[in-house]
Amino acid sequence: MLFADAVYVGIDPTAGVRPMYYAALDADLRLLALDKGNMEAVLAFIGGLEAAVVGIDAPQSPNKGLMRQMEVRRLFNLRPRGQTWG
C-alpha cells in the first residue's frame, strides 16, 4: 500500500500568528504528535520523519474584513446587525 509507513502531518500556520500548530498521525490514525512551534521547529519535526504526507491549512488570502460591511452581509441574506457571520 502506498504511504503505509508514512506519517500524516497537518500544519496550521494560523494566518501569521505565531506559533504554528501541527499534528501527526500514523497510518492507523493514532496521534503521534500534537505540538506548536515556529517555522524552524515545524520543519525540524518534518525533516526527522522517514516518510511523511504533509497538508497545510491556510487561508486563500488575508482577511480583508469584508463581512464587517453591511452591504456585503446583505448580499448573502445575513441580518444587517447580526453576528452569525462572525
PDB file of N, CA and C in Angstrom:
ATOM      1  N   MET A   1       0.840  -1.185   0.000  1.00  0.00           N
ATOM      2  CA  MET A   1       0.000   0.000   0.000  1.00  0.00           C
ATOM      3  C   MET A   1       0.882   1.244   0.000  1.00  0.00           C
ATOM      4  N   LEU A   2       0.557   2.168  -0.847  1.00  0.00           N
ATOM      5  CA  LEU A   2       1.280   3.424  -0.921  1.00  0.00           C
ATOM      6  C   LEU A   2       1.125   4.182   0.393  1.00  0.00           C
ATOM      7  N   PHE A   3       2.172   4.734   0.926  1.00  0.00           N
ATOM      8  CA  PHE A   3       2.188   5.506   2.164  1.00  0.00           C
ATOM      9  C   PHE A   3       1.865   4.676   3.406  1.00  0.00           C
ATOM     10  N   ALA A   4       2.029   3.364   3.361  1.00  0.00           N
ATOM     11  CA  ALA A   4       1.679   2.519   4.507  1.00  0.00           C
ATOM     12  C   ALA A   4       2.476   2.905   5.747  1.00  0.00           C
ATOM     13  N   ASP A   5       3.730   3.280   5.593  1.00  0.00           N
ATOM     14  CA  ASP A   5       4.556   3.613   6.748  1.00  0.00           C
ATOM     15  C   ASP A   5       4.708   5.122   6.944  1.00  0.00           C
ATOM     16  N   ALA A   6       3.983   5.883   6.182  1.00  0.00           N
ATOM     17  CA  ALA A   6       4.118   7.335   6.253  1.00  0.00           C
ATOM     18  C   ALA A   6       3.447   7.878   7.505  1.00  0.00           C
ATOM     19  N   VAL A   7       3.921   9.012   7.904  1.00  0.00           N
ATOM     20  CA  VAL A   7       3.293   9.792   8.961  1.00  0.00           C
ATOM     21  C   VAL A   7       2.528  10.905   8.259  1.00  0.00           C
ATOM     22  N   TYR A   8       1.313  11.150   8.694  1.00  0.00           N
ATOM     23  CA  TYR A   8       0.473  12.182   8.093  1.00  0.00           C
ATOM     24  C   TYR A   8       0.504  13.410   9.005  1.00  0.00           C
ATOM     25  N   VAL A   9       0.957  14.515   8.464  1.00  0.00           N
ATOM     26  CA  VAL A   9       1.158  15.721   9.257  1.00  0.00           C
ATOM     27  C   VAL A   9       0.248  16.823   8.733  1.00  0.00           C
ATOM     28  N   GLY A  10      -0.465  17.463   9.631  1.00  0.00           N
ATOM     29  CA  GLY A  10      -1.277  18.627   9.297  1.00  0.00           C
ATOM     30  C   GLY A  10      -0.698  19.847   9.983  1.00  0.00           C
ATOM     31  N   ILE A  11      -0.549  20.922   9.234  1.00  0.00           N
ATOM     32  CA  ILE A  11       0.038  22.154   9.768  1.00  0.00           C
ATOM     33  C   ILE A  11      -0.964  23.286   9.607  1.00  0.00           C
ATOM     34  N   ASP A  12      -1.152  24.054  10.682  1.00  0.00           N
ATOM     35  CA  ASP A  12      -1.992  25.248  10.628  1.00  0.00           C
ATOM     36  C   ASP A  12      -1.109  26.453  10.904  1.00  0.00           C
ATOM     37  N   PRO A  13      -0.766  27.220   9.861  1.00  0.00           N
ATOM     38  CA  PRO A  13       0.105  28.372  10.067  1.00  0.00           C
ATOM     39  C   PRO A  13      -0.585  29.542  10.757  1.00  0.00           C
ATOM     40  N   THR A  14      -1.852  29.422  11.084  1.00  0.00           N
ATOM     41  CA  THR A  14      -2.626  30.384  11.870  1.00  0.00           C
ATOM     42  C   THR A  14      -2.546  31.819  11.367  1.00  0.00           C
ATOM     43  N   ALA A  15      -2.575  31.976  10.068  1.00  0.00           N
ATOM     44  CA  ALA A  15      -2.674  33.293   9.421  1.00  0.00           C
ATOM     45  C   ALA A  15      -1.635  34.280   9.933  1.00  0.00           C
ATOM     46  N   GLY A  16      -0.423  33.841  10.119  1.00  0.00           N
ATOM     47  CA  GLY A  16       0.658  34.739  10.505  1.00  0.00           C
ATOM     48  C   GLY A  16       0.860  34.885  11.992  1.00  0.00           C
ATOM     49  N   VAL A  17      -0.077  34.398  12.801  1.00  0.00           N
ATOM     50  CA  VAL A  17       0.075  34.456  14.249  1.00  0.00           C
ATOM     51  C   VAL A  17       1.009  33.325  14.651  1.00  0.00           C
ATOM     52  N   ARG A  18       1.956  33.588  15.494  1.00  0.00           N
ATOM     53  CA  ARG A  18       2.905  32.559  15.900  1.00  0.00           C
ATOM     54  C   ARG A  18       2.538  32.068  17.285  1.00  0.00           C
ATOM     55  N   PRO A  19       2.754  30.838  17.608  1.00  0.00           N
ATOM     56  CA  PRO A  19       3.424  29.783  16.879  1.00  0.00           C
ATOM     57  C   PRO A  19       2.473  29.052  15.936  1.00  0.00           C
ATOM     58  N   MET A  20       3.053  28.193  15.074  1.00  0.00           N
ATOM     59  CA  MET A  20       2.262  27.326  14.198  1.00  0.00           C
ATOM     60  C   MET A  20       1.912  26.063  14.970  1.00  0.00           C
ATOM     61  N   TYR A  21       0.750  25.531  14.689  1.00  0.00           N
ATOM     62  CA  TYR A  21       0.330  24.292  15.316  1.00  0.00           C
ATOM     63  C   TYR A  21       0.421  23.162  14.300  1.00  0.00           C
ATOM     64  N   TYR A  22       0.744  21.964  14.774  1.00  0.00           N
ATOM     65  CA  TYR A  22       0.792  20.814  13.879  1.00  0.00           C
ATOM     66  C   TYR A  22       0.407  19.552  14.630  1.00  0.00           C
ATOM     67  N   ALA A  23      -0.094  18.596  13.866  1.00  0.00           N
ATOM     68  CA  ALA A  23      -0.468  17.290  14.405  1.00  0.00           C
ATOM     69  C   ALA A  23       0.057  16.235  13.443  1.00  0.00           C
ATOM     70  N   ALA A  24       0.432  15.093  14.004  1.00  0.00           N
ATOM     71  CA  ALA A  24       0.930  13.992  13.179  1.00  0.00           C
ATOM     72  C   ALA A  24       0.185  12.719  13.562  1.00  0.00           C
ATOM     73  N   LEU A  25      -0.240  11.966  12.538  1.00  0.00           N
ATOM     74  CA  LEU A  25      -0.957  10.705  12.734  1.00  0.00           C
ATOM     75  C   LEU A  25      -0.208   9.601  12.013  1.00  0.00           C
ATOM     76  N   ASP A  26      -0.337   8.379  12.534  1.00  0.00           N
ATOM     77  CA  ASP A  26       0.240   7.247  11.814  1.00  0.00           C
ATOM     78  C   ASP A  26      -0.796   6.692  10.844  1.00  0.00           C
ATOM     79  N   ALA A  27      -0.465   5.610  10.158  1.00  0.00           N
ATOM     80  CA  ALA A  27      -1.357   5.041   9.145  1.00  0.00           C
ATOM     81  C   ALA A  27      -2.660   4.520   9.747  1.00  0.00           C
ATOM     82  N   ASP A  28      -2.666   4.238  11.059  1.00  0.00           N
ATOM     83  CA  ASP A  28      -3.884   3.789  11.738  1.00  0.00           C
ATOM     84  C   ASP A  28      -4.610   4.941  12.412  1.00  0.00           C
ATOM     85  N   LEU A  29      -4.225   6.151  12.067  1.00  0.00           N
ATOM     86  CA  LEU A  29      -4.824   7.394  12.574  1.00  0.00           C
ATOM     87  C   LEU A  29      -4.630   7.591  14.081  1.00  0.00           C
ATOM     88  N   ARG A  30      -3.564   7.013  14.616  1.00  0.00           N
ATOM     89  CA  ARG A  30      -3.212   7.248  16.021  1.00  0.00           C
ATOM     90  C   ARG A  30      -2.374   8.518  16.093  1.00  0.00           C
ATOM     91  N   LEU A  31      -2.669   9.322  17.086  1.00  0.00           N
ATOM     92  CA  LEU A  31      -1.954  10.583  17.270  1.00  0.00           C
ATOM     93  C   LEU A  31      -0.515  10.313  17.695  1.00  0.00           C
ATOM     94  N   LEU A  32       0.422  10.823  16.924  1.00  0.00           N
ATOM     95  CA  LEU A  32       1.844  10.684  17.236  1.00  0.00           C
ATOM     96  C   LEU A  32       2.410  11.952  17.844  1.00  0.00           C
ATOM     97  N   ALA A  33       1.899  13.088  17.397  1.00  0.00           N
ATOM     98  CA  ALA A  33       2.397  14.367  17.904  1.00  0.00           C
ATOM     99  C   ALA A  33       1.306  15.413  17.771  1.00  0.00           C
ATOM    100  N   LEU A  34       1.252  16.287  18.734  1.00  0.00           N
ATOM    101  CA  LEU A  34       0.363  17.448  18.710  1.00  0.00           C
ATOM    102  C   LEU A  34       1.147  18.543  19.410  1.00  0.00           C
ATOM    103  N   ASP A  35       1.612  19.513  18.643  1.00  0.00           N
ATOM    104  CA  ASP A  35       2.533  20.483  19.217  1.00  0.00           C
ATOM    105  C   ASP A  35       2.431  21.804  18.478  1.00  0.00           C
ATOM    106  N   LYS A  36       3.232  22.743  18.890  1.00  0.00           N
ATOM    107  CA  LYS A  36       3.304  24.052  18.251  1.00  0.00           C
ATOM    108  C   LYS A  36       4.757  24.497  18.263  1.00  0.00           C
ATOM    109  N   GLY A  37       5.077  25.393  17.365  1.00  0.00           N
ATOM    110  CA  GLY A  37       6.431  25.919  17.305  1.00  0.00           C
ATOM    111  C   GLY A  37       6.575  26.894  16.161  1.00  0.00           C
ATOM    112  N   ASN A  38       7.742  27.493  16.074  1.00  0.00           N
ATOM    113  CA  ASN A  38       7.989  28.400  14.958  1.00  0.00           C
ATOM    114  C   ASN A  38       8.274  27.568  13.705  1.00  0.00           C
ATOM    115  N   MET A  39       8.466  28.221  12.586  1.00  0.00           N
ATOM    116  CA  MET A  39       8.661  27.519  11.320  1.00  0.00           C
ATOM    117  C   MET A  39       9.832  26.552  11.387  1.00  0.00           C
ATOM    118  N   GLU A  40      10.923  26.962  12.010  1.00  0.00           N
ATOM    119  CA  GLU A  40      12.105  26.096  12.094  1.00  0.00           C
ATOM    120  C   GLU A  40      11.800  24.830  12.884  1.00  0.00           C
ATOM    121  N   ALA A  41      11.043  24.947  13.962  1.00  0.00           N
ATOM    122  CA  ALA A  41      10.702  23.779  14.782  1.00  0.00           C
ATOM    123  C   ALA A  41       9.805  22.814  14.011  1.00  0.00           C
ATOM    124  N   VAL A  42       8.833  23.351  13.281  1.00  0.00           N
ATOM    125  CA  VAL A  42       7.928  22.506  12.494  1.00  0.00           C
ATOM    126  C   VAL A  42       8.710  21.798  11.390  1.00  0.00           C
ATOM    127  N   LEU A  43       9.573  22.530  10.704  1.00  0.00           N
ATOM    128  CA  LEU A  43      10.386  21.924   9.642  1.00  0.00           C
ATOM    129  C   LEU A  43      11.352  20.884  10.204  1.00  0.00           C
ATOM    130  N   ALA A  44      11.883  21.123  11.385  1.00  0.00           N
ATOM    131  CA  ALA A  44      12.774  20.147  12.013  1.00  0.00           C
ATOM    132  C   ALA A  44      12.015  18.862  12.333  1.00  0.00           C
ATOM    133  N   PHE A  45      10.784  19.003  12.813  1.00  0.00           N
ATOM    134  CA  PHE A  45       9.970  17.816  13.098  1.00  0.00           C
ATOM    135  C   PHE A  45       9.738  17.018  11.822  1.00  0.00           C
ATOM    136  N   ILE A  46       9.314  17.695  10.765  1.00  0.00           N
ATOM    137  CA  ILE A  46       9.039  17.014   9.497  1.00  0.00           C
ATOM    138  C   ILE A  46      10.321  16.415   8.918  1.00  0.00           C
ATOM    139  N   GLY A  47      11.421  17.141   9.020  1.00  0.00           N
ATOM    140  CA  GLY A  47      12.688  16.660   8.500  1.00  0.00           C
ATOM    141  C   GLY A  47      13.177  15.396   9.195  1.00  0.00           C
ATOM    142  N   GLY A  48      12.735  15.179  10.410  1.00  0.00           N
ATOM    143  CA  GLY A  48      13.133  13.991  11.152  1.00  0.00           C
ATOM    144  C   GLY A  48      12.308  12.760  10.826  1.00  0.00           C
ATOM    145  N   LEU A  49      11.302  12.908   9.987  1.00  0.00           N
ATOM    146  CA  LEU A  49      10.453  11.773   9.627  1.00  0.00           C
ATOM    147  C   LEU A  49      11.019  11.068   8.401  1.00  0.00           C
ATOM    148  N   GLU A  50      10.941   9.754   8.402  1.00  0.00           N
ATOM    149  CA  GLU A  50      11.438   8.988   7.261  1.00  0.00           C
ATOM    150  C   GLU A  50      10.560   9.189   6.029  1.00  0.00           C
ATOM    151  N   ALA A  51       9.249   9.165   6.234  1.00  0.00           N
ATOM    152  CA  ALA A  51       8.289   9.382   5.139  1.00  0.00           C
ATOM    153  C   ALA A  51       7.102  10.139   5.711  1.00  0.00           C
ATOM    154  N   ALA A  52       6.651  11.149   4.998  1.00  0.00           N
ATOM    155  CA  ALA A  52       5.539  11.954   5.500  1.00  0.00           C
ATOM    156  C   ALA A  52       4.682  12.459   4.354  1.00  0.00           C
ATOM    157  N   VAL A  53       3.401  12.575   4.639  1.00  0.00           N
ATOM    158  CA  VAL A  53       2.451  13.251   3.769  1.00  0.00           C
ATOM    159  C   VAL A  53       2.017  14.474   4.571  1.00  0.00           C
ATOM    160  N   VAL A  54       2.232  15.654   4.011  1.00  0.00           N
ATOM    161  CA  VAL A  54       2.005  16.893   4.759  1.00  0.00           C
ATOM    162  C   VAL A  54       0.909  17.705   4.093  1.00  0.00           C
ATOM    163  N   GLY A  55      -0.024  18.169   4.900  1.00  0.00           N
ATOM    164  CA  GLY A  55      -1.082  19.057   4.430  1.00  0.00           C
ATOM    165  C   GLY A  55      -1.019  20.353   5.217  1.00  0.00           C
ATOM    166  N   ILE A  56      -1.233  21.465   4.529  1.00  0.00           N
ATOM    167  CA  ILE A  56      -1.165  22.773   5.175  1.00  0.00           C
ATOM    168  C   ILE A  56      -2.504  23.460   5.032  1.00  0.00           C
ATOM    169  N   ASP A  57      -3.032  23.908   6.166  1.00  0.00           N
ATOM    170  CA  ASP A  57      -4.296  24.633   6.200  1.00  0.00           C
ATOM    171  C   ASP A  57      -3.956  26.119   6.243  1.00  0.00           C
ATOM    172  N   ALA A  58      -4.341  26.827   5.224  1.00  0.00           N
ATOM    173  CA  ALA A  58      -4.040  28.250   5.183  1.00  0.00           C
ATOM    174  C   ALA A  58      -5.145  28.981   4.434  1.00  0.00           C
ATOM    175  N   PRO A  59      -5.398  30.212   4.796  1.00  0.00           N
ATOM    176  CA  PRO A  59      -6.411  30.981   4.068  1.00  0.00           C
ATOM    177  C   PRO A  59      -5.953  31.259   2.643  1.00  0.00           C
ATOM    178  N   GLN A  60      -6.918  31.423   1.751  1.00  0.00           N
ATOM    179  CA  GLN A  60      -6.616  31.727   0.348  1.00  0.00           C
ATOM    180  C   GLN A  60      -5.936  33.086   0.218  1.00  0.00           C
ATOM    181  N   SER A  61      -6.345  34.015   1.086  1.00  0.00           N
ATOM    182  CA  SER A  61      -5.748  35.349   1.080  1.00  0.00           C
ATOM    183  C   SER A  61      -5.980  35.966   2.458  1.00  0.00           C
ATOM    184  N   PRO A  62      -5.302  37.047   2.766  1.00  0.00           N
ATOM    185  CA  PRO A  62      -5.519  37.694   4.059  1.00  0.00           C
ATOM    186  C   PRO A  62      -6.964  38.160   4.216  1.00  0.00           C
ATOM    187  N   ASN A  63      -7.444  38.162   5.445  1.00  0.00           N
ATOM    188  CA  ASN A  63      -8.788  38.630   5.747  1.00  0.00           C
ATOM    189  C   ASN A  63      -8.872  40.116   5.430  1.00  0.00           C
ATOM    190  N   LYS A  64      -9.820  40.480   4.601  1.00  0.00           N
ATOM    191  CA  LYS A  64      -9.990  41.878   4.202  1.00  0.00           C
ATOM    192  C   LYS A  64     -11.111  42.555   4.973  1.00  0.00           C
ATOM    193  N   GLY A  65     -11.735  41.832   5.906  1.00  0.00           N
ATOM    194  CA  GLY A  65     -12.777  42.426   6.725  1.00  0.00           C
ATOM    195  C   GLY A  65     -14.067  42.717   5.978  1.00  0.00           C
ATOM    196  N   LEU A  66     -14.298  42.032   4.869  1.00  0.00           N
ATOM    197  CA  LEU A  66     -15.483  42.319   4.053  1.00  0.00           C
ATOM    198  C   LEU A  66     -16.787  42.057   4.803  1.00  0.00           C
ATOM    199  N   MET A  67     -16.804  41.053   5.661  1.00  0.00           N
ATOM    200  CA  MET A  67     -18.054  40.719   6.349  1.00  0.00           C
ATOM    201  C   MET A  67     -18.440  41.760   7.388  1.00  0.00           C
ATOM    202  N   ARG A  68     -17.572  42.703   7.677  1.00  0.00           N
ATOM    203  CA  ARG A  68     -17.928  43.808   8.574  1.00  0.00           C
ATOM    204  C   ARG A  68     -18.769  44.852   7.855  1.00  0.00           C
ATOM    205  N   GLN A  69     -18.821  44.790   6.528  1.00  0.00           N
ATOM    206  CA  GLN A  69     -19.580  45.766   5.748  1.00  0.00           C
ATOM    207  C   GLN A  69     -21.022  45.287   5.584  1.00  0.00           C
ATOM    208  N   MET A  70     -21.948  46.128   5.991  1.00  0.00           N
ATOM    209  CA  MET A  70     -23.361  45.784   5.947  1.00  0.00           C
ATOM    210  C   MET A  70     -23.821  45.411   4.538  1.00  0.00           C
ATOM    211  N   GLU A  71     -23.297  46.087   3.521  1.00  0.00           N
ATOM    212  CA  GLU A  71     -23.699  45.812   2.144  1.00  0.00           C
ATOM    213  C   GLU A  71     -23.287  44.403   1.712  1.00  0.00           C
ATOM    214  N   VAL A  72     -22.132  43.972   2.132  1.00  0.00           N
ATOM    215  CA  VAL A  72     -21.653  42.636   1.781  1.00  0.00           C
ATOM    216  C   VAL A  72     -22.498  41.585   2.492  1.00  0.00           C
ATOM    217  N   ARG A  73     -22.795  41.787   3.768  1.00  0.00           N
ATOM    218  CA  ARG A  73     -23.637  40.826   4.508  1.00  0.00           C
ATOM    219  C   ARG A  73     -25.017  40.721   3.868  1.00  0.00           C
ATOM    220  N   ARG A  74     -25.539  41.836   3.379  1.00  0.00           N
ATOM    221  CA  ARG A  74     -26.852  41.843   2.736  1.00  0.00           C
ATOM    222  C   ARG A  74     -26.843  40.976   1.471  1.00  0.00           C
ATOM    223  N   LEU A  75     -25.732  40.939   0.735  1.00  0.00           N
ATOM    224  CA  LEU A  75     -25.631  40.102  -0.465  1.00  0.00           C
ATOM    225  C   LEU A  75     -25.837  38.619  -0.154  1.00  0.00           C
ATOM    226  N   PHE A  76     -25.495  38.212   1.063  1.00  0.00           N
ATOM    227  CA  PHE A  76     -25.623  36.813   1.471  1.00  0.00           C
ATOM    228  C   PHE A  76     -26.861  36.569   2.335  1.00  0.00           C
ATOM    229  N   ASN A  77     -27.778  37.543   2.354  1.00  0.00           N
ATOM    230  CA  ASN A  77     -29.018  37.452   3.129  1.00  0.00           C
ATOM    231  C   ASN A  77     -28.756  37.242   4.613  1.00  0.00           C
ATOM    232  N   LEU A  78     -27.727  37.870   5.136  1.00  0.00           N
ATOM    233  CA  LEU A  78     -27.435  37.823   6.563  1.00  0.00           C
ATOM    234  C   LEU A  78     -28.050  39.041   7.227  1.00  0.00           C
ATOM    235  N   ARG A  79     -28.442  38.878   8.456  1.00  0.00           N
ATOM    236  CA  ARG A  79     -29.031  40.012   9.172  1.00  0.00           C
ATOM    237  C   ARG A  79     -28.020  41.152   9.245  1.00  0.00           C
ATOM    238  N   PRO A  80     -28.441  42.368   8.889  1.00  0.00           N
ATOM    239  CA  PRO A  80     -27.507  43.501   8.857  1.00  0.00           C
ATOM    240  C   PRO A  80     -26.804  43.753  10.192  1.00  0.00           C
ATOM    241  N   ARG A  81     -27.492  43.547  11.294  1.00  0.00           N
ATOM    242  CA  ARG A  81     -26.887  43.823  12.603  1.00  0.00           C
ATOM    243  C   ARG A  81     -26.549  42.528  13.357  1.00  0.00           C
ATOM    244  N   GLY A  82     -26.740  41.382  12.728  1.00  0.00           N
ATOM    245  CA  GLY A  82     -26.464  40.108  13.383  1.00  0.00           C
ATOM    246  C   GLY A  82     -24.975  39.820  13.477  1.00  0.00           C
ATOM    247  N   GLN A  83     -24.663  38.785  14.215  1.00  0.00           N
ATOM    248  CA  GLN A  83     -23.256  38.409  14.340  1.00  0.00           C
ATOM    249  C   GLN A  83     -23.019  36.949  13.959  1.00  0.00           C
ATOM    250  N   THR A  84     -24.014  36.317  13.324  1.00  0.00           N
ATOM    251  CA  THR A  84     -23.829  34.927  12.915  1.00  0.00           C
ATOM    252  C   THR A  84     -22.793  34.808  11.813  1.00  0.00           C
ATOM    253  N   TRP A  85     -22.470  35.877  11.144  1.00  0.00           N
ATOM    254  CA  TRP A  85     -21.463  35.885  10.084  1.00  0.00           C
ATOM    255  C   TRP A  85     -20.064  35.859  10.662  1.00  0.00           C
ATOM    256  N   GLY A  86     -19.906  36.249  11.920  1.00  0.00           N
ATOM    257  CA  GLY A  86     -18.570  36.351  12.510  1.00  0.00           C
ATOM    258  C   GLY A  86     -18.147  35.096  13.165  1.00  0.00           C
TER     259      GLY A  86
END
